[in-house]
C-alpha atoms as a PDB file:
ATOM      1  CA  MET A   1      47.082  -7.416  64.978  1.00  0.00           C
ATOM      2  CA  ARG A   2      43.668  -6.606  63.570  1.00  0.00           C
ATOM      3  CA  ARG A   3      41.158  -9.443  63.454  1.00  0.00           C
ATOM      4  CA  SER A   4      39.504 -10.489  60.201  1.00  0.00           C
ATOM      5  CA  PHE A   5      35.792  -9.954  59.544  1.00  0.00           C
ATOM      6  CA  PRO A   6      34.865 -13.650  59.905  1.00  0.00           C
ATOM      7  CA  ASP A   7      36.565 -13.878  63.292  1.00  0.00           C
ATOM      8  CA  VAL A   8      34.937 -10.734  64.638  1.00  0.00           C
ATOM      9  CA  VAL A   9      31.402 -11.293  63.437  1.00  0.00           C
ATOM     10  CA  SER A  10      31.069 -15.061  63.597  1.00  0.00           C
ATOM     11  CA  ALA A  11      27.910 -16.453  65.148  1.00  0.00           C
ATOM     12  CA  LYS A  12      29.835 -17.843  68.101  1.00  0.00           C
ATOM     13  CA  ARG A  13      31.321 -14.459  68.815  1.00  0.00           C
ATOM     14  CA  VAL A  14      27.905 -12.791  68.659  1.00  0.00           C
ATOM     15  CA  VAL A  15      26.522 -15.257  71.194  1.00  0.00           C
ATOM     16  CA  ALA A  16      29.498 -14.657  73.451  1.00  0.00           C
ATOM     17  CA  VAL A  17      29.058 -10.916  73.109  1.00  0.00           C
ATOM     18  CA  ARG A  18      25.407 -11.185  74.144  1.00  0.00           C
ATOM     19  CA  GLY A  19      26.290 -13.084  77.275  1.00  0.00           C
ATOM     20  CA  ARG A  20      29.217 -11.188  78.663  1.00  0.00           C
ATOM     21  CA  GLY A  21      28.006  -7.602  78.699  1.00  0.00           C
ATOM     22  CA  TYR A  22      28.715  -6.182  75.296  1.00  0.00           C
ATOM     23  CA  SER A  23      28.771  -2.441  74.749  1.00  0.00           C
ATOM     24  CA  GLY A  24      28.339  -1.209  71.168  1.00  0.00           C
ATOM     25  CA  ARG A  25      31.566   0.727  71.512  1.00  0.00           C
ATOM     26  CA  MET A  26      33.558  -2.509  71.907  1.00  0.00           C
ATOM     27  CA  LEU A  27      33.099  -3.536  68.270  1.00  0.00           C
ATOM     28  CA  ASP A  28      34.659  -1.602  65.456  1.00  0.00           C
ATOM     29  CA  PHE A  29      32.692  -0.078  62.602  1.00  0.00           C
ATOM     30  CA  ALA A  30      33.889  -2.632  60.063  1.00  0.00           C
ATOM     31  CA  ALA A  31      32.575  -5.566  62.095  1.00  0.00           C
ATOM     32  CA  GLN A  32      29.149  -3.985  62.495  1.00  0.00           C
ATOM     33  CA  TYR A  33      28.953  -3.012  58.828  1.00  0.00           C
ATOM     34  CA  ALA A  34      29.868  -6.558  57.766  1.00  0.00           C
ATOM     35  CA  ALA A  35      27.012  -7.916  59.893  1.00  0.00           C
ATOM     36  CA  PHE A  36      24.694  -5.299  58.399  1.00  0.00           C
ATOM     37  CA  GLN A  37      25.661  -6.339  54.859  1.00  0.00           C
ATOM     38  CA  ARG A  38      24.704  -9.942  55.712  1.00  0.00           C
ATOM     39  CA  ARG A  39      21.447  -8.818  57.382  1.00  0.00           C
ATOM     40  CA  ASP A  40      22.524 -10.982  60.293  1.00  0.00           C
ATOM     41  CA  PRO A  41      19.475 -11.657  62.542  1.00  0.00           C
ATOM     42  CA  ALA A  42      21.786 -12.267  65.500  1.00  0.00           C
ATOM     43  CA  TRP A  43      22.251  -8.501  65.683  1.00  0.00           C
ATOM     44  CA  ASP A  44      18.558  -7.612  65.577  1.00  0.00           C
ATOM     45  CA  GLY A  45      17.834  -5.511  68.661  1.00  0.00           C
ATOM     46  CA  ILE A  46      21.531  -5.288  69.488  1.00  0.00           C
ATOM     47  CA  VAL A  47      22.426  -2.429  67.146  1.00  0.00           C
ATOM     48  CA  PHE A  48      20.456   0.032  65.029  1.00  0.00           C
ATOM     49  CA  VAL A  49      21.716   1.374  61.718  1.00  0.00           C
ATOM     50  CA  ALA A  50      21.265   5.048  60.840  1.00  0.00           C
ATOM     51  CA  VAL A  51      21.623   6.296  57.267  1.00  0.00           C
ATOM     52  CA  LYS A  52      22.878   9.867  57.018  1.00  0.00           C
ATOM     53  CA  THR A  53      21.543  10.479  53.513  1.00  0.00           C
ATOM     54  CA  THR A  54      17.931   9.572  54.368  1.00  0.00           C
ATOM     55  CA  GLY A  55      17.730  10.543  58.048  1.00  0.00           C
ATOM     56  CA  VAL A  56      16.267   7.106  58.810  1.00  0.00           C
ATOM     57  CA  TYR A  57      17.459   4.407  61.204  1.00  0.00           C
ATOM     58  CA  CYS A  58      16.843   0.702  60.592  1.00  0.00           C
ATOM     59  CA  ARG A  59      17.236  -2.758  62.028  1.00  0.00           C
ATOM     60  CA  PRO A  60      20.299  -4.660  60.757  1.00  0.00           C
ATOM     61  CA  VAL A  61      17.899  -7.059  58.992  1.00  0.00           C
ATOM     62  CA  CYS A  62      16.212  -4.320  56.943  1.00  0.00           C
ATOM     63  CA  PRO A  63      15.515  -5.591  53.382  1.00  0.00           C
ATOM     64  CA  ALA A  64      16.339  -2.234  51.807  1.00  0.00           C
ATOM     65  CA  ARG A  65      19.493  -1.917  49.714  1.00  0.00           C
ATOM     66  CA  THR A  66      22.579  -1.619  51.892  1.00  0.00           C
ATOM     67  CA  PRO A  67      23.858   1.982  51.888  1.00  0.00           C
ATOM     68  CA  LEU A  68      27.497   2.874  51.427  1.00  0.00           C
ATOM     69  CA  ALA A  69      29.610   2.571  54.550  1.00  0.00           C
ATOM     70  CA  ARG A  70      30.420   6.281  54.562  1.00  0.00           C
ATOM     71  CA  ASN A  71      26.701   7.056  54.932  1.00  0.00           C
ATOM     72  CA  VAL A  72      26.106   4.767  57.911  1.00  0.00           C
ATOM     73  CA  ARG A  73      26.269   5.203  61.680  1.00  0.00           C
ATOM     74  CA  PHE A  74      25.570   2.563  64.335  1.00  0.00           C
ATOM     75  CA  TYR A  75      23.741   3.053  67.629  1.00  0.00           C
ATOM     76  CA  GLY A  76      23.289   0.781  70.609  1.00  0.00           C
ATOM     77  CA  SER A  77      19.657   1.746  71.138  1.00  0.00           C
ATOM     78  CA  ALA A  78      16.719   3.157  69.241  1.00  0.00           C
ATOM     79  CA  ALA A  79      16.600   6.036  71.704  1.00  0.00           C
ATOM     80  CA  SER A  80      20.159   7.098  70.909  1.00  0.00           C
ATOM     81  CA  ALA A  81      19.444   7.038  67.163  1.00  0.00           C
ATOM     82  CA  GLU A  82      16.345   9.164  67.723  1.00  0.00           C
ATOM     83  CA  ARG A  83      18.286  11.516  69.977  1.00  0.00           C
ATOM     84  CA  ALA A  84      20.696  12.055  67.066  1.00  0.00           C
ATOM     85  CA  GLY A  85      17.789  13.128  64.864  1.00  0.00           C
ATOM     86  CA  PHE A  86      17.052   9.934  62.916  1.00  0.00           C
ATOM     87  CA  ARG A  87      13.495   8.656  62.450  1.00  0.00           C
ATOM     88  CA  PRO A  88      12.412   4.985  62.418  1.00  0.00           C
ATOM     89  CA  CYS A  89      12.253   3.120  59.122  1.00  0.00           C
ATOM     90  CA  LEU A  90       8.674   2.378  58.070  1.00  0.00           C
ATOM     91  CA  ARG A  91       9.804  -0.712  56.179  1.00  0.00           C
ATOM     92  CA  CYS A  92      11.723  -2.775  58.752  1.00  0.00           C
ATOM     93  CA  ARG A  93       9.877  -1.211  61.718  1.00  0.00           C
ATOM     94  CA  PRO A  94      12.524  -0.864  64.469  1.00  0.00           C
ATOM     95  CA  GLU A  95       9.717  -0.873  67.061  1.00  0.00           C
ATOM     96  CA  ALA A  96       9.194  -4.575  66.256  1.00  0.00           C
ATOM     97  CA  ALA A  97      12.842  -5.483  66.941  1.00  0.00           C
ATOM     98  CA  PRO A  98      13.416  -7.730  69.947  1.00  0.00           C
ATOM     99  CA  PHE A  99      13.962  -5.640  73.075  1.00  0.00           C
ATOM    100  CA  CYS A 100      17.342  -7.126  73.909  1.00  0.00           C
ATOM    101  CA  PRO A 101      19.998  -4.748  75.151  1.00  0.00           C
ATOM    102  CA  ALA A 102      23.408  -6.219  74.457  1.00  0.00           C
ATOM    103  CA  TRP A 103      24.116  -6.846  78.128  1.00  0.00           C
ATOM    104  CA  LYS A 104      20.831  -8.759  78.638  1.00  0.00           C
ATOM    105  CA  GLY A 105      21.398 -11.759  80.886  1.00  0.00           C
ATOM    106  CA  THR A 106      23.683  -9.948  83.286  1.00  0.00           C
ATOM    107  CA  ARG A 107      22.342  -8.452  86.493  1.00  0.00           C
ATOM    108  CA  THR A 108      23.286  -4.845  86.009  1.00  0.00           C
ATOM    109  CA  THR A 109      21.669  -1.712  87.297  1.00  0.00           C
ATOM    110  CA  VAL A 110      20.933  -0.600  83.752  1.00  0.00           C
ATOM    111  CA  GLU A 111      19.149  -3.843  82.912  1.00  0.00           C
ATOM    112  CA  ARG A 112      17.032  -3.582  86.060  1.00  0.00           C
ATOM    113  CA  ALA A 113      16.185   0.006  85.159  1.00  0.00           C
ATOM    114  CA  LEU A 114      15.211  -1.015  81.623  1.00  0.00           C
ATOM    115  CA  ALA A 115      12.930  -3.740  82.967  1.00  0.00           C
ATOM    116  CA  LEU A 116      11.203  -1.204  85.222  1.00  0.00           C
ATOM    117  CA  ILE A 117      10.877   1.264  82.335  1.00  0.00           C
ATOM    118  CA  GLU A 118       9.385  -1.493  80.209  1.00  0.00           C
ATOM    119  CA  ASP A 119       6.835  -2.064  82.974  1.00  0.00           C
ATOM    120  CA  GLY A 120       5.905   1.625  82.877  1.00  0.00           C
ATOM    121  CA  ALA A 121       7.959   3.067  85.742  1.00  0.00           C
ATOM    122  CA  LEU A 122       8.485   6.339  83.867  1.00  0.00           C
ATOM    123  CA  ASP A 123       5.074   6.508  82.202  1.00  0.00           C
ATOM    124  CA  HIS A 124       3.642   8.152  85.303  1.00  0.00           C
ATOM    125  CA  GLY A 125       6.697   8.429  87.557  1.00  0.00           C
ATOM    126  CA  ASN A 126       9.988  10.300  87.454  1.00  0.00           C
ATOM    127  CA  VAL A 127      13.675   9.453  87.246  1.00  0.00           C
ATOM    128  CA  ALA A 128      14.260  10.170  90.931  1.00  0.00           C
ATOM    129  CA  ALA A 129      11.638   7.601  91.938  1.00  0.00           C
ATOM    130  CA  LEU A 130      13.090   5.063  89.499  1.00  0.00           C
ATOM    131  CA  ALA A 131      16.606   5.613  90.831  1.00  0.00           C
ATOM    132  CA  ASP A 132      15.333   5.253  94.384  1.00  0.00           C
ATOM    133  CA  ARG A 133      13.861   1.842  93.528  1.00  0.00           C
ATOM    134  CA  LEU A 134      17.298   0.848  92.253  1.00  0.00           C
ATOM    135  CA  GLY A 135      19.054   2.143  95.355  1.00  0.00           C
ATOM    136  CA  ILE A 136      21.130   4.769  93.558  1.00  0.00           C
ATOM    137  CA  GLY A 137      20.948   8.506  92.881  1.00  0.00           C
ATOM    138  CA  ALA A 138      19.184   9.982  89.874  1.00  0.00           C
ATOM    139  CA  ARG A 139      22.404  11.564  88.557  1.00  0.00           C
ATOM    140  CA  HIS A 140      24.258   8.267  88.749  1.00  0.00           C
ATOM    141  CA  LEU A 141      21.432   6.501  86.904  1.00  0.00           C
ATOM    142  CA  SER A 142      21.550   9.133  84.168  1.00  0.00           C
ATOM    143  CA  ARG A 143      25.325   8.685  83.876  1.00  0.00           C
ATOM    144  CA  LEU A 144      24.892   4.919  83.504  1.00  0.00           C
ATOM    145  CA  PHE A 145      22.317   5.381  80.758  1.00  0.00           C
ATOM    146  CA  ALA A 146      24.539   7.873  78.951  1.00  0.00           C
ATOM    147  CA  SER A 147      27.430   5.414  79.121  1.00  0.00           C
ATOM    148  CA  HIS A 148      25.530   2.291  77.997  1.00  0.00           C
ATOM    149  CA  LEU A 149      22.754   3.679  75.805  1.00  0.00           C
ATOM    150  CA  ASP A 150      23.898   7.185  74.868  1.00  0.00           C
ATOM    151  CA  ALA A 151      20.448   8.390  75.951  1.00  0.00           C
ATOM    152  CA  SER A 152      18.739   9.477  79.153  1.00  0.00           C
ATOM    153  CA  PRO A 153      16.169   7.357  81.036  1.00  0.00           C
ATOM    154  CA  LEU A 154      13.411   9.727  79.910  1.00  0.00           C
ATOM    155  CA  GLN A 155      14.495   9.462  76.281  1.00  0.00           C
ATOM    156  CA  VAL A 156      14.501   5.666  76.494  1.00  0.00           C
ATOM    157  CA  ALA A 157      11.059   5.652  78.124  1.00  0.00           C
ATOM    158  CA  LEU A 158       9.617   7.943  75.445  1.00  0.00           C
ATOM    159  CA  SER A 159      11.146   5.818  72.703  1.00  0.00           C
ATOM    160  CA  ARG A 160       9.537   2.704  74.182  1.00  0.00           C
ATOM    161  CA  ARG A 161       6.133   4.423  74.452  1.00  0.00           C
ATOM    162  CA  VAL A 162       6.281   5.418  70.792  1.00  0.00           C
ATOM    163  CA  GLN A 163       7.364   1.900  69.829  1.00  0.00           C
ATOM    164  CA  ARG A 164       4.504   0.321  71.779  1.00  0.00           C
ATOM    165  CA  ALA A 165       2.035   2.735  70.197  1.00  0.00           C
ATOM    166  CA  LYS A 166       3.361   2.030  66.693  1.00  0.00           C
ATOM    167  CA  CYS A 167       2.959  -1.725  67.236  1.00  0.00           C
ATOM    168  CA  LEU A 168      -0.618  -1.225  68.444  1.00  0.00           C
ATOM    169  CA  ILE A 169      -1.397   0.990  65.460  1.00  0.00           C
ATOM    170  CA  ASP A 170       0.026  -1.541  63.015  1.00  0.00           C
ATOM    171  CA  GLY A 171      -1.497  -4.556  64.741  1.00  0.00           C
ATOM    172  CA  GLY A 172      -5.127  -3.554  65.195  1.00  0.00           C
ATOM    173  CA  ASP A 173      -7.880  -1.000  64.936  1.00  0.00           C
ATOM    174  CA  LEU A 174      -7.989   0.380  68.463  1.00  0.00           C
ATOM    175  CA  PRO A 175      -9.098   4.013  68.748  1.00  0.00           C
ATOM    176  CA  LEU A 176      -6.056   6.236  69.059  1.00  0.00           C
ATOM    177  CA  ALA A 177      -7.080   7.347  72.546  1.00  0.00           C
ATOM    178  CA  GLN A 178      -6.876   3.721  73.695  1.00  0.00           C
ATOM    179  CA  VAL A 179      -3.593   3.246  71.855  1.00  0.00           C
ATOM    180  CA  ALA A 180      -2.157   6.208  73.758  1.00  0.00           C
ATOM    181  CA  GLN A 181      -3.362   4.840  77.088  1.00  0.00           C
ATOM    182  CA  ARG A 182      -2.059   1.315  76.504  1.00  0.00           C
ATOM    183  CA  ALA A 183       1.279   2.608  75.224  1.00  0.00           C
ATOM    184  CA  GLY A 184       1.799   4.632  78.401  1.00  0.00           C
ATOM    185  CA  PHE A 185       1.071   8.156  77.181  1.00  0.00           C
ATOM    186  CA  SER A 186      -0.828  10.427  79.546  1.00  0.00           C
ATOM    187  CA  SER A 187      -3.038  11.595  76.666  1.00  0.00           C
ATOM    188  CA  ALA A 188      -3.608  11.207  72.934  1.00  0.00           C
ATOM    189  CA  ARG A 189      -2.349  14.778  72.521  1.00  0.00           C
ATOM    190  CA  ARG A 190       1.041  13.876  73.948  1.00  0.00           C
ATOM    191  CA  MET A 191       1.202  10.812  71.730  1.00  0.00           C
ATOM    192  CA  ASN A 192       0.397  12.944  68.684  1.00  0.00           C
ATOM    193  CA  ALA A 193       3.156  15.378  69.628  1.00  0.00           C
ATOM    194  CA  ALA A 194       5.691  12.557  70.074  1.00  0.00           C
ATOM    195  CA  PHE A 195       4.828  11.053  66.674  1.00  0.00           C
ATOM    196  CA  ALA A 196       4.951  14.454  64.984  1.00  0.00           C
ATOM    197  CA  LYS A 197       8.432  15.071  66.374  1.00  0.00           C
ATOM    198  CA  LEU A 198       9.796  11.609  65.548  1.00  0.00           C
ATOM    199  CA  TYR A 199       8.016  10.669  62.321  1.00  0.00           C
ATOM    200  CA  GLY A 200       6.910  14.082  61.129  1.00  0.00           C
ATOM    201  CA  ARG A 201       3.437  12.555  60.775  1.00  0.00           C
ATOM    202  CA  SER A 202       0.394  11.866  62.922  1.00  0.00           C
ATOM    203  CA  PRO A 203      -0.339   8.397  64.362  1.00  0.00           C
ATOM    204  CA  ALA A 204      -3.493   8.186  62.225  1.00  0.00           C
ATOM    205  CA  SER A 205      -1.504   8.719  59.011  1.00  0.00           C
ATOM    206  CA  LEU A 206       0.725   5.758  59.876  1.00  0.00           C
ATOM    207  CA  ARG A 207      -2.182   3.340  60.250  1.00  0.00           C
ATOM    208  CA  ARG A 208      -1.972   1.012  57.297  1.00  0.00           C
ATOM    209  CA  LYS A 209      -5.105   0.492  55.233  1.00  0.00           C
ATOM    210  CA  ARG A 210      -5.955  -3.201  54.924  1.00  0.00           C
ATOM    211  CA  PRO A 211      -8.969  -5.297  53.939  1.00  0.00           C
ATOM    212  CA  PRO A 212     -11.591  -6.157  56.623  1.00  0.00           C
ATOM    213  CA  GLY A 213     -10.537  -8.999  58.911  1.00  0.00           C
ATOM    214  CA  VAL A 214      -6.859  -8.711  58.049  1.00  0.00           C
ATOM    215  CA  THR A 215      -4.477  -8.128  60.968  1.00  0.00           C
ATOM    216  CA  MET A 216      -0.806  -7.242  61.093  1.00  0.00           C
ATOM    217  CA  GLN A 217       1.801  -9.595  62.480  1.00  0.00           C
ATOM    218  CA  PRO A 218       4.775  -8.302  64.543  1.00  0.00           C
ATOM    219  CA  ASN A 219       7.049  -8.693  61.515  1.00  0.00           C
ATOM    220  CA  GLY A 220       4.796  -6.464  59.432  1.00  0.00           C
ATOM    221  CA  ASP A 221       3.202  -9.266  57.375  1.00  0.00           C
ATOM    222  CA  GLN A 222      -0.549  -9.412  56.885  1.00  0.00           C
ATOM    223  CA  GLN A 223      -2.519 -12.258  58.482  1.00  0.00           C
ATOM    224  CA  TRP A 224      -5.533 -13.151  56.330  1.00  0.00           C
ATOM    225  CA  PRO A 225      -8.653 -14.929  57.674  1.00  0.00           C
ATOM    226  CA  ARG A 226      -8.351 -18.689  57.110  1.00  0.00           C
ATOM    227  CA  ALA A 227     -11.612 -19.031  55.195  1.00  0.00           C
ATOM    228  CA  THR A 228     -10.758 -16.372  52.639  1.00  0.00           C
ATOM    229  CA  ALA A 229      -6.977 -16.366  52.607  1.00  0.00           C
ATOM    230  CA  ARG A 230      -6.600 -18.573  49.528  1.00  0.00           C
ATOM    231  CA  ALA A 231      -9.252 -16.726  47.565  1.00  0.00           C
ATOM    232  CA  THR A 232      -8.387 -13.148  48.439  1.00  0.00           C
ATOM    233  CA  ALA A 233      -4.761 -12.931  49.550  1.00  0.00           C
ATOM    234  CA  PRO A 234      -2.517 -11.226  47.011  1.00  0.00           C
ATOM    235  CA  SER A 235       0.052 -13.308  45.218  1.00  0.00           C
ATOM    236  CA  VAL A 236       3.431 -13.060  46.939  1.00  0.00           C
ATOM    237  CA  PRO A 237       6.622 -14.333  45.300  1.00  0.00           C
ATOM    238  CA  ASN A 238       8.386 -17.141  47.111  1.00  0.00           C
ATOM    239  CA  ARG A 239      11.165 -15.523  49.168  1.00  0.00           C
ATOM    240  CA  ASN A 240      13.252 -18.676  48.781  1.00  0.00           C
ATOM    241  CA  SER A 241      13.057 -18.694  45.013  1.00  0.00           C
ATOM    242  CA  GLY A 242      15.973 -17.407  42.997  1.00  0.00           C
END
Protein backbone atom coordinates (compact mmCIF):
# COMPACT_ATOMS: atom_id res chain seq x y z
CA MET A 1 0.00 0.00 0.00
CA ARG A 2 1.44 3.36 -0.98
CA ARG A 3 1.89 5.89 1.79
CA SER A 4 0.28 9.33 1.62
CA PHE A 5 2.33 12.51 1.21
CA PRO A 6 1.82 13.69 4.81
CA ASP A 7 3.03 10.37 6.20
CA VAL A 8 6.12 10.25 4.01
CA VAL A 9 7.28 13.83 4.37
CA SER A 10 6.23 14.68 7.91
CA ALA A 11 8.77 16.45 10.08
CA LYS A 12 9.12 13.43 12.34
CA ARG A 13 9.92 11.23 9.39
CA VAL A 14 12.54 13.68 8.12
CA VAL A 15 14.26 13.68 11.50
CA ALA A 16 14.20 9.90 11.57
CA VAL A 17 15.59 9.76 8.06
CA ARG A 18 18.48 12.03 9.04
CA GLY A 19 19.42 9.80 11.94
CA ARG A 20 19.25 6.35 10.48
CA GLY A 21 21.32 6.62 7.33
CA TYR A 22 19.03 7.85 4.62
CA SER A 23 19.97 7.46 0.98
CA GLY A 24 18.20 9.72 -1.52
CA ARG A 25 17.13 6.66 -3.45
CA MET A 26 15.00 5.46 -0.52
CA LEU A 27 12.39 8.19 -0.97
CA ASP A 28 10.16 8.32 -3.99
CA PHE A 29 9.96 11.29 -6.33
CA ALA A 30 6.52 12.35 -5.11
CA ALA A 31 7.69 12.68 -1.50
CA GLN A 32 10.67 14.82 -2.48
CA TYR A 33 8.60 17.00 -4.80
CA ALA A 34 6.01 17.57 -2.06
CA ALA A 35 8.77 18.76 0.28
CA PHE A 36 10.12 20.99 -2.49
CA GLN A 37 6.68 22.55 -3.02
CA ARG A 38 6.57 23.44 0.70
CA ARG A 39 10.16 24.76 0.63
CA ASP A 40 10.73 22.57 3.66
CA PRO A 41 13.94 23.71 5.44
CA ALA A 42 14.34 20.24 6.95
CA TRP A 43 15.54 19.09 3.54
CA ASP A 44 18.08 21.86 3.02
CA GLY A 45 21.44 20.19 2.39
CA ILE A 46 19.79 16.77 2.17
CA VAL A 47 18.64 16.97 -1.45
CA PHE A 48 19.29 19.32 -4.36
CA VAL A 49 16.69 20.09 -7.00
CA ALA A 50 17.69 20.30 -10.67
CA VAL A 51 15.44 21.95 -13.25
CA LYS A 52 15.78 20.47 -16.73
CA THR A 53 14.40 23.51 -18.55
CA THR A 54 16.91 25.97 -17.05
CA GLY A 55 19.94 23.73 -16.47
CA VAL A 56 20.14 25.04 -12.90
CA TYR A 57 20.08 23.16 -9.59
CA CYS A 58 18.70 24.68 -6.39
CA ARG A 59 18.20 24.14 -2.70
CA PRO A 60 14.72 22.87 -1.74
CA VAL A 61 14.12 26.23 -0.02
CA CYS A 62 14.74 28.28 -3.18
CA PRO A 63 12.24 31.20 -3.36
CA ALA A 64 11.85 30.89 -7.13
CA ARG A 65 8.55 29.64 -8.53
CA THR A 66 8.25 25.88 -8.23
CA PRO A 67 8.75 24.23 -11.64
CA LEU A 68 6.49 21.51 -12.97
CA ALA A 69 7.24 18.05 -11.65
CA ARG A 70 8.09 16.73 -15.11
CA ASN A 71 10.94 19.26 -15.33
CA VAL A 72 12.55 18.35 -12.01
CA ARG A 73 15.22 15.88 -10.94
CA PHE A 74 16.54 15.30 -7.41
CA TYR A 75 20.15 14.66 -6.39
CA GLY A 76 21.67 13.63 -3.10
CA SER A 77 24.65 15.96 -3.44
CA ALA A 78 25.67 19.13 -5.21
CA ALA A 79 28.50 17.21 -6.86
CA SER A 80 26.11 14.73 -8.47
CA ALA A 81 23.94 17.55 -9.83
CA GLU A 82 27.02 19.24 -11.27
CA ARG A 83 28.23 15.94 -12.70
CA ALA A 84 24.91 15.72 -14.57
CA GLY A 85 25.57 19.11 -16.15
CA PHE A 86 23.52 21.44 -13.93
CA ARG A 87 24.95 24.72 -12.62
CA PRO A 88 24.27 26.25 -9.18
CA CYS A 89 21.41 28.70 -8.76
CA LEU A 90 22.63 32.25 -8.17
CA ARG A 91 19.50 33.07 -6.19
CA CYS A 92 19.34 30.40 -3.47
CA ARG A 93 23.12 29.77 -3.56
CA PRO A 94 23.51 25.99 -3.03
CA GLU A 95 27.05 26.62 -1.74
CA ALA A 96 25.48 28.18 1.37
CA ALA A 97 23.36 25.10 2.14
CA PRO A 98 24.27 23.25 5.33
CA PHE A 99 26.86 20.57 4.60
CA CYS A 100 24.80 17.71 5.98
CA PRO A 101 24.87 14.46 4.05
CA ALA A 102 21.74 12.49 4.81
CA TRP A 103 23.62 9.85 6.77
CA LYS A 104 25.33 12.44 9.02
CA GLY A 105 25.45 11.20 12.60
CA THR A 106 26.35 7.65 11.68
CA ARG A 107 29.95 6.49 11.70
CA THR A 108 30.33 5.39 8.12
CA THR A 109 33.37 5.30 5.92
CA VAL A 110 31.77 7.80 3.57
CA GLU A 111 31.12 10.29 6.36
CA ARG A 112 34.71 9.99 7.56
CA ALA A 113 35.91 10.54 4.00
CA LEU A 114 33.70 13.61 3.63
CA ALA A 115 35.06 15.07 6.86
CA LEU A 116 38.62 14.60 5.59
CA ILE A 117 37.71 16.14 2.22
CA GLU A 118 36.16 19.08 4.04
CA ASP A 119 39.46 19.50 5.89
CA GLY A 120 41.31 19.61 2.56
CA ALA A 121 42.54 16.03 2.19
CA LEU A 122 42.10 16.15 -1.59
CA ASP A 123 43.13 19.78 -2.09
CA HIS A 124 46.76 18.73 -2.24
CA GLY A 125 46.53 14.94 -1.88
CA ASN A 126 45.09 12.11 -3.94
CA VAL A 127 42.35 9.52 -3.58
CA ALA A 128 44.80 6.71 -2.84
CA ALA A 129 46.20 8.62 0.15
CA LEU A 130 42.68 9.41 1.38
CA ALA A 131 41.62 5.78 1.08
CA ASP A 132 44.75 4.70 2.92
CA ARG A 133 43.84 6.98 5.84
CA LEU A 134 40.45 5.25 5.93
CA GLY A 135 41.99 1.78 5.81
CA ILE A 136 40.40 0.77 2.51
CA GLY A 137 41.39 0.64 -1.16
CA ALA A 138 40.94 3.55 -3.53
CA ARG A 139 38.59 1.55 -5.79
CA HIS A 140 36.38 0.60 -2.87
CA LEU A 141 36.22 4.23 -1.73
CA SER A 142 35.19 5.30 -5.22
CA ARG A 143 32.48 2.62 -5.27
CA LEU A 144 31.13 3.87 -1.94
CA PHE A 145 30.99 7.44 -3.21
CA ALA A 146 29.26 6.35 -6.40
CA SER A 147 26.69 4.44 -4.35
CA HIS A 148 25.96 7.16 -1.77
CA LEU A 149 26.66 10.39 -3.65
CA ASP A 150 26.57 9.43 -7.33
CA ALA A 151 29.90 11.24 -7.69
CA SER A 152 33.58 10.44 -7.26
CA PRO A 153 35.72 11.69 -4.34
CA LEU A 154 37.51 14.09 -6.70
CA GLN A 155 34.22 15.47 -7.99
CA VAL A 156 32.99 16.03 -4.44
CA ALA A 157 36.26 17.73 -3.47
CA LEU A 158 36.13 20.05 -6.49
CA SER A 159 32.50 20.90 -5.77
CA ARG A 160 33.40 21.82 -2.19
CA ARG A 161 36.33 24.00 -3.34
CA VAL A 162 34.06 25.90 -5.71
CA GLN A 163 31.44 26.28 -2.97
CA ARG A 164 34.00 27.62 -0.50
CA ALA A 165 35.31 30.05 -3.10
CA LYS A 166 31.80 31.25 -3.96
CA CYS A 167 31.07 31.92 -0.28
CA LEU A 168 34.31 33.89 0.07
CA ILE A 169 33.53 35.89 -3.06
CA ASP A 170 30.03 36.71 -1.85
CA GLY A 171 31.08 37.41 1.73
CA GLY A 172 34.02 39.77 1.33
CA ASP A 173 36.47 41.61 -0.86
CA LEU A 174 39.49 39.32 -0.72
CA PRO A 175 41.69 39.35 -3.83
CA LEU A 176 40.82 36.39 -6.01
CA ALA A 177 44.28 34.89 -5.56
CA GLN A 178 43.64 34.70 -1.81
CA VAL A 179 40.15 33.34 -2.40
CA ALA A 180 41.65 30.54 -4.49
CA GLN A 181 44.22 29.72 -1.81
CA ARG A 182 41.72 29.70 1.06
CA ALA A 183 39.23 27.64 -0.93
CA GLY A 184 41.84 24.95 -1.58
CA PHE A 185 42.72 25.61 -5.21
CA SER A 186 46.37 25.25 -6.18
CA SER A 187 46.17 28.49 -8.19
CA ALA A 188 43.79 31.25 -9.25
CA ARG A 189 44.01 29.87 -12.80
CA ARG A 190 42.57 26.54 -11.72
CA MET A 191 39.82 28.31 -9.81
CA ASN A 192 38.97 30.38 -12.88
CA ALA A 193 38.80 27.22 -14.99
CA ALA A 194 36.51 25.49 -12.47
CA PHE A 195 34.14 28.48 -12.35
CA ALA A 196 34.12 28.79 -16.14
CA LYS A 197 33.14 25.13 -16.48
CA LEU A 198 30.47 25.20 -13.76
CA TYR A 199 29.00 28.69 -14.01
CA GLY A 200 30.09 29.65 -17.50
CA ARG A 201 31.45 32.84 -15.93
CA SER A 202 34.59 34.04 -14.17
CA PRO A 203 34.79 34.38 -10.37
CA ALA A 204 35.19 38.15 -10.73
CA SER A 205 31.91 38.44 -12.67
CA LEU A 206 30.05 36.73 -9.82
CA ARG A 207 31.25 39.20 -7.20
CA ARG A 208 28.22 41.24 -6.25
CA LYS A 209 28.55 45.01 -6.31
CA ARG A 210 27.53 46.53 -2.97
CA PRO A 211 27.96 49.85 -1.17
CA PRO A 212 31.14 50.43 0.91
CA GLY A 213 31.05 48.75 4.32
CA VAL A 214 28.26 46.36 3.38
CA THR A 215 29.02 42.64 3.78
CA MET A 216 27.15 39.55 2.68
CA GLN A 217 25.64 37.12 5.15
CA PRO A 218 25.69 33.33 4.51
CA ASN A 219 22.03 33.45 3.46
CA GLY A 220 22.79 36.05 0.81
CA ASP A 221 21.34 39.04 2.70
CA GLN A 222 23.28 42.28 2.98
CA GLN A 223 24.58 43.37 6.40
CA TRP A 224 24.64 47.17 6.64
CA PRO A 225 26.87 49.11 9.08
CA ARG A 226 24.93 49.90 12.27
CA ALA A 227 25.50 53.65 12.12
CA THR A 228 24.16 54.04 8.60
CA ALA A 229 21.79 51.12 8.24
CA ARG A 230 18.62 53.08 9.01
CA ALA A 231 19.57 55.99 6.79
CA THR A 232 20.93 54.14 3.78
CA ALA A 233 19.53 50.61 3.69
CA PRO A 234 16.99 50.08 0.93
CA SER A 235 13.39 49.54 1.89
CA VAL A 236 12.58 45.83 2.03
CA PRO A 237 8.99 44.57 2.25
CA ASN A 238 8.14 42.62 5.38
CA ARG A 239 8.42 38.92 4.46
CA ASN A 240 5.71 38.11 6.99
CA SER A 241 3.21 40.53 5.54
CA GLY A 242 0.46 39.24 3.30
